[in-house]
């Protein structure tokens, strides 16, 4: 597995503003229209 995209953010407190599972719900990877199987990182 390799990192394809990196999202940086900063919390207002040392303990964070949201639990990790909620952060993962906000970030979604989707295929572009007309692509059934991704063949490279841009799809």
PDB file of N, CA and C in Angstrom:
ATOM      1  N   UNK A   1       0.848  -1.163   0.000  1.00  0.00           N
ATOM      2  CA  UNK A   1       0.000   0.000   0.000  1.00  0.00           C
ATOM      3  C   UNK A   1       0.900   1.234   0.000  1.00  0.00           C
ATOM      4  N   UNK A   2       0.514   2.224  -0.779  1.00  0.00           N
ATOM      5  CA  UNK A   2       1.282   3.462  -0.861  1.00  0.00           C
ATOM      6  C   UNK A   2       0.360   4.655  -0.637  1.00  0.00           C
ATOM      7  N   UNK A   3       0.912   5.721  -0.103  1.00  0.00           N
ATOM      8  CA  UNK A   3       0.131   6.942   0.096  1.00  0.00           C
ATOM      9  C   UNK A   3      -0.103   7.609  -1.244  1.00  0.00           C
ATOM     10  N   UNK A   4      -1.352   7.904  -1.554  1.00  0.00           N
ATOM     11  CA  UNK A   4      -1.704   8.536  -2.825  1.00  0.00           C
ATOM     12  C   UNK A   4      -2.071  10.001  -2.637  1.00  0.00           C
ATOM     13  N   UNK A   5      -2.585  10.357  -1.492  1.00  0.00           N
ATOM     14  CA  UNK A   5      -3.022  11.719  -1.226  1.00  0.00           C
ATOM     15  C   UNK A   5      -2.857  11.972   0.263  1.00  0.00           C
ATOM     16  N   UNK A   6      -2.560  13.181   0.615  1.00  0.00           N
ATOM     17  CA  UNK A   6      -2.327  13.512   2.011  1.00  0.00           C
ATOM     18  C   UNK A   6      -3.172  14.720   2.381  1.00  0.00           C
ATOM     19  N   UNK A   7      -3.940  14.602   3.461  1.00  0.00           N
ATOM     20  CA  UNK A   7      -4.790  15.685   3.946  1.00  0.00           C
ATOM     21  C   UNK A   7      -4.246  16.143   5.296  1.00  0.00           C
ATOM     22  N   UNK A   8      -3.898  17.402   5.395  1.00  0.00           N
ATOM     23  CA  UNK A   8      -3.368  17.951   6.643  1.00  0.00           C
ATOM     24  C   UNK A   8      -4.410  18.845   7.292  1.00  0.00           C
ATOM     25  N   UNK A   9      -4.474  18.787   8.593  1.00  0.00           N
ATOM     26  CA  UNK A   9      -5.390  19.639   9.340  1.00  0.00           C
ATOM     27  C   UNK A   9      -4.800  19.872  10.718  1.00  0.00           C
ATOM     28  N   UNK A  10      -5.309  20.882  11.408  1.00  0.00           N
ATOM     29  CA  UNK A  10      -4.808  21.219  12.733  1.00  0.00           C
ATOM     30  C   UNK A  10      -5.974  21.270  13.706  1.00  0.00           C
ATOM     31  N   UNK A  11      -5.777  20.673  14.870  1.00  0.00           N
ATOM     32  CA  UNK A  11      -6.801  20.687  15.911  1.00  0.00           C
ATOM     33  C   UNK A  11      -6.655  21.929  16.787  1.00  0.00           C
ATOM     34  N   UNK A  12      -7.762  22.352  17.366  1.00  0.00           N
ATOM     35  CA  UNK A  12      -7.744  23.480  18.295  1.00  0.00           C
ATOM     36  C   UNK A  12      -7.253  23.074  19.682  1.00  0.00           C
ATOM     37  N   UNK A  13      -7.321  21.784  20.002  1.00  0.00           N
ATOM     38  CA  UNK A  13      -6.868  21.310  21.310  1.00  0.00           C
ATOM     39  C   UNK A  13      -5.908  20.137  21.131  1.00  0.00           C
ATOM     40  N   UNK A  14      -5.162  19.831  22.165  1.00  0.00           N
ATOM     41  CA  UNK A  14      -4.189  18.734  22.099  1.00  0.00           C
ATOM     42  C   UNK A  14      -4.858  17.377  21.932  1.00  0.00           C
ATOM     43  N   UNK A  15      -6.104  17.244  22.363  1.00  0.00           N
ATOM     44  CA  UNK A  15      -6.821  15.972  22.265  1.00  0.00           C
ATOM     45  C   UNK A  15      -7.629  15.846  20.981  1.00  0.00           C
ATOM     46  N   UNK A  16      -7.643  16.871  20.154  1.00  0.00           N
ATOM     47  CA  UNK A  16      -8.366  16.816  18.890  1.00  0.00           C
ATOM     48  C   UNK A  16      -9.799  17.295  19.028  1.00  0.00           C
ATOM     49  N   UNK A  17     -10.435  17.492  17.876  1.00  0.00           N
ATOM     50  CA  UNK A  17     -11.803  18.001  17.848  1.00  0.00           C
ATOM     51  C   UNK A  17     -12.824  16.921  17.511  1.00  0.00           C
ATOM     52  N   UNK A  18     -12.369  15.801  16.952  1.00  0.00           N
ATOM     53  CA  UNK A  18     -13.287  14.737  16.541  1.00  0.00           C
ATOM     54  C   UNK A  18     -12.581  13.394  16.673  1.00  0.00           C
ATOM     55  N   UNK A  19     -13.344  12.331  16.935  1.00  0.00           N
ATOM     56  CA  UNK A  19     -12.739  10.996  16.983  1.00  0.00           C
ATOM     57  C   UNK A  19     -12.283  10.554  15.587  1.00  0.00           C
ATOM     58  N   UNK A  20     -11.299   9.682  15.535  1.00  0.00           N
ATOM     59  CA  UNK A  20     -10.714   9.252  14.263  1.00  0.00           C
ATOM     60  C   UNK A  20     -11.748   8.649  13.324  1.00  0.00           C
ATOM     61  N   UNK A  21     -12.690   7.859  13.838  1.00  0.00           N
ATOM     62  CA  UNK A  21     -13.665   7.226  12.946  1.00  0.00           C
ATOM     63  C   UNK A  21     -14.518   8.269  12.231  1.00  0.00           C
ATOM     64  N   UNK A  22     -14.770   9.394  12.843  1.00  0.00           N
ATOM     65  CA  UNK A  22     -15.548  10.454  12.194  1.00  0.00           C
ATOM     66  C   UNK A  22     -14.729  11.129  11.091  1.00  0.00           C
ATOM     67  N   UNK A  23     -13.430  11.305  11.311  1.00  0.00           N
ATOM     68  CA  UNK A  23     -12.570  11.886  10.283  1.00  0.00           C
ATOM     69  C   UNK A  23     -12.539  11.008   9.040  1.00  0.00           C
ATOM     70  N   UNK A  24     -12.463   9.688   9.229  1.00  0.00           N
ATOM     71  CA  UNK A  24     -12.444   8.780   8.088  1.00  0.00           C
ATOM     72  C   UNK A  24     -13.779   8.758   7.351  1.00  0.00           C
ATOM     73  N   UNK A  25     -14.875   9.059   8.022  1.00  0.00           N
ATOM     74  CA  UNK A  25     -16.173   9.153   7.347  1.00  0.00           C
ATOM     75  C   UNK A  25     -16.226  10.375   6.435  1.00  0.00           C
ATOM     76  N   UNK A  26     -15.519  11.437   6.776  1.00  0.00           N
ATOM     77  CA  UNK A  26     -15.553  12.675   5.991  1.00  0.00           C
ATOM     78  C   UNK A  26     -14.719  12.593   4.721  1.00  0.00           C
ATOM     79  N   UNK A  27     -13.700  11.724   4.681  1.00  0.00           N
ATOM     80  CA  UNK A  27     -12.823  11.592   3.513  1.00  0.00           C
ATOM     81  C   UNK A  27     -13.250  10.356   2.733  1.00  0.00           C
ATOM     82  N   UNK A  28     -13.582  10.545   1.460  1.00  0.00           N
ATOM     83  CA  UNK A  28     -14.036   9.436   0.625  1.00  0.00           C
ATOM     84  C   UNK A  28     -13.273   9.423  -0.696  1.00  0.00           C
ATOM     85  N   UNK A  29     -12.952   8.242  -1.166  1.00  0.00           N
ATOM     86  CA  UNK A  29     -12.332   8.072  -2.481  1.00  0.00           C
ATOM     87  C   UNK A  29     -13.397   7.552  -3.435  1.00  0.00           C
ATOM     88  N   UNK A  30     -13.532   8.205  -4.587  1.00  0.00           N
ATOM     89  CA  UNK A  30     -14.543   7.813  -5.567  1.00  0.00           C
ATOM     90  C   UNK A  30     -13.909   7.735  -6.946  1.00  0.00           C
ATOM     91  N   UNK A  31     -14.405   6.812  -7.761  1.00  0.00           N
ATOM     92  CA  UNK A  31     -13.955   6.712  -9.144  1.00  0.00           C
ATOM     93  C   UNK A  31     -14.599   7.812  -9.976  1.00  0.00           C
ATOM     94  N   UNK A  32     -13.883   8.273 -10.994  1.00  0.00           N
ATOM     95  CA  UNK A  32     -14.444   9.251 -11.916  1.00  0.00           C
ATOM     96  C   UNK A  32     -15.507   8.578 -12.776  1.00  0.00           C
ATOM     97  N   UNK A  33     -16.394   9.375 -13.361  1.00  0.00           N
ATOM     98  CA  UNK A  33     -17.436   8.846 -14.241  1.00  0.00           C
ATOM     99  C   UNK A  33     -16.813   8.096 -15.412  1.00  0.00           C
ATOM    100  N   UNK A  34     -17.367   6.951 -15.745  1.00  0.00           N
ATOM    101  CA  UNK A  34     -16.891   6.153 -16.864  1.00  0.00           C
ATOM    102  C   UNK A  34     -15.723   5.244 -16.535  1.00  0.00           C
ATOM    103  N   UNK A  35     -15.256   5.226 -15.308  1.00  0.00           N
ATOM    104  CA  UNK A  35     -14.131   4.377 -14.906  1.00  0.00           C
ATOM    105  C   UNK A  35     -14.681   3.250 -14.043  1.00  0.00           C
ATOM    106  N   UNK A  36     -14.492   1.999 -14.494  1.00  0.00           N
ATOM    107  CA  UNK A  36     -14.980   0.865 -13.713  1.00  0.00           C
ATOM    108  C   UNK A  36     -13.873   0.260 -12.848  1.00  0.00           C
ATOM    109  N   UNK A  37     -12.633   0.288 -13.360  1.00  0.00           N
ATOM    110  CA  UNK A  37     -11.487  -0.238 -12.619  1.00  0.00           C
ATOM    111  C   UNK A  37     -10.362   0.789 -12.705  1.00  0.00           C
ATOM    112  N   UNK A  38      -9.848   1.282 -11.584  1.00  0.00           N
ATOM    113  CA  UNK A  38      -8.762   2.269 -11.652  1.00  0.00           C
ATOM    114  C   UNK A  38      -7.474   1.628 -12.158  1.00  0.00           C
ATOM    115  N   UNK A  39      -6.851   2.267 -13.133  1.00  0.00           N
ATOM    116  CA  UNK A  39      -5.601   1.750 -13.700  1.00  0.00           C
ATOM    117  C   UNK A  39      -4.392   2.583 -13.284  1.00  0.00           C
ATOM    118  N   UNK A  40      -4.631   3.773 -12.718  1.00  0.00           N
ATOM    119  CA  UNK A  40      -3.541   4.586 -12.194  1.00  0.00           C
ATOM    120  C   UNK A  40      -4.095   5.489 -11.099  1.00  0.00           C
ATOM    121  N   UNK A  41      -3.253   6.266 -10.464  1.00  0.00           N
ATOM    122  CA  UNK A  41      -3.664   7.068  -9.313  1.00  0.00           C
ATOM    123  C   UNK A  41      -4.575   8.229  -9.676  1.00  0.00           C
ATOM    124  N   UNK A  42      -4.597   8.659 -10.931  1.00  0.00           N
ATOM    125  CA  UNK A  42      -5.414   9.800 -11.333  1.00  0.00           C
ATOM    126  C   UNK A  42      -6.863   9.424 -11.574  1.00  0.00           C
ATOM    127  N   UNK A  43      -7.202   8.144 -11.584  1.00  0.00           N
ATOM    128  CA  UNK A  43      -8.580   7.708 -11.815  1.00  0.00           C
ATOM    129  C   UNK A  43      -9.239   7.384 -10.508  1.00  0.00           C
TER     130      UNK A  43
END
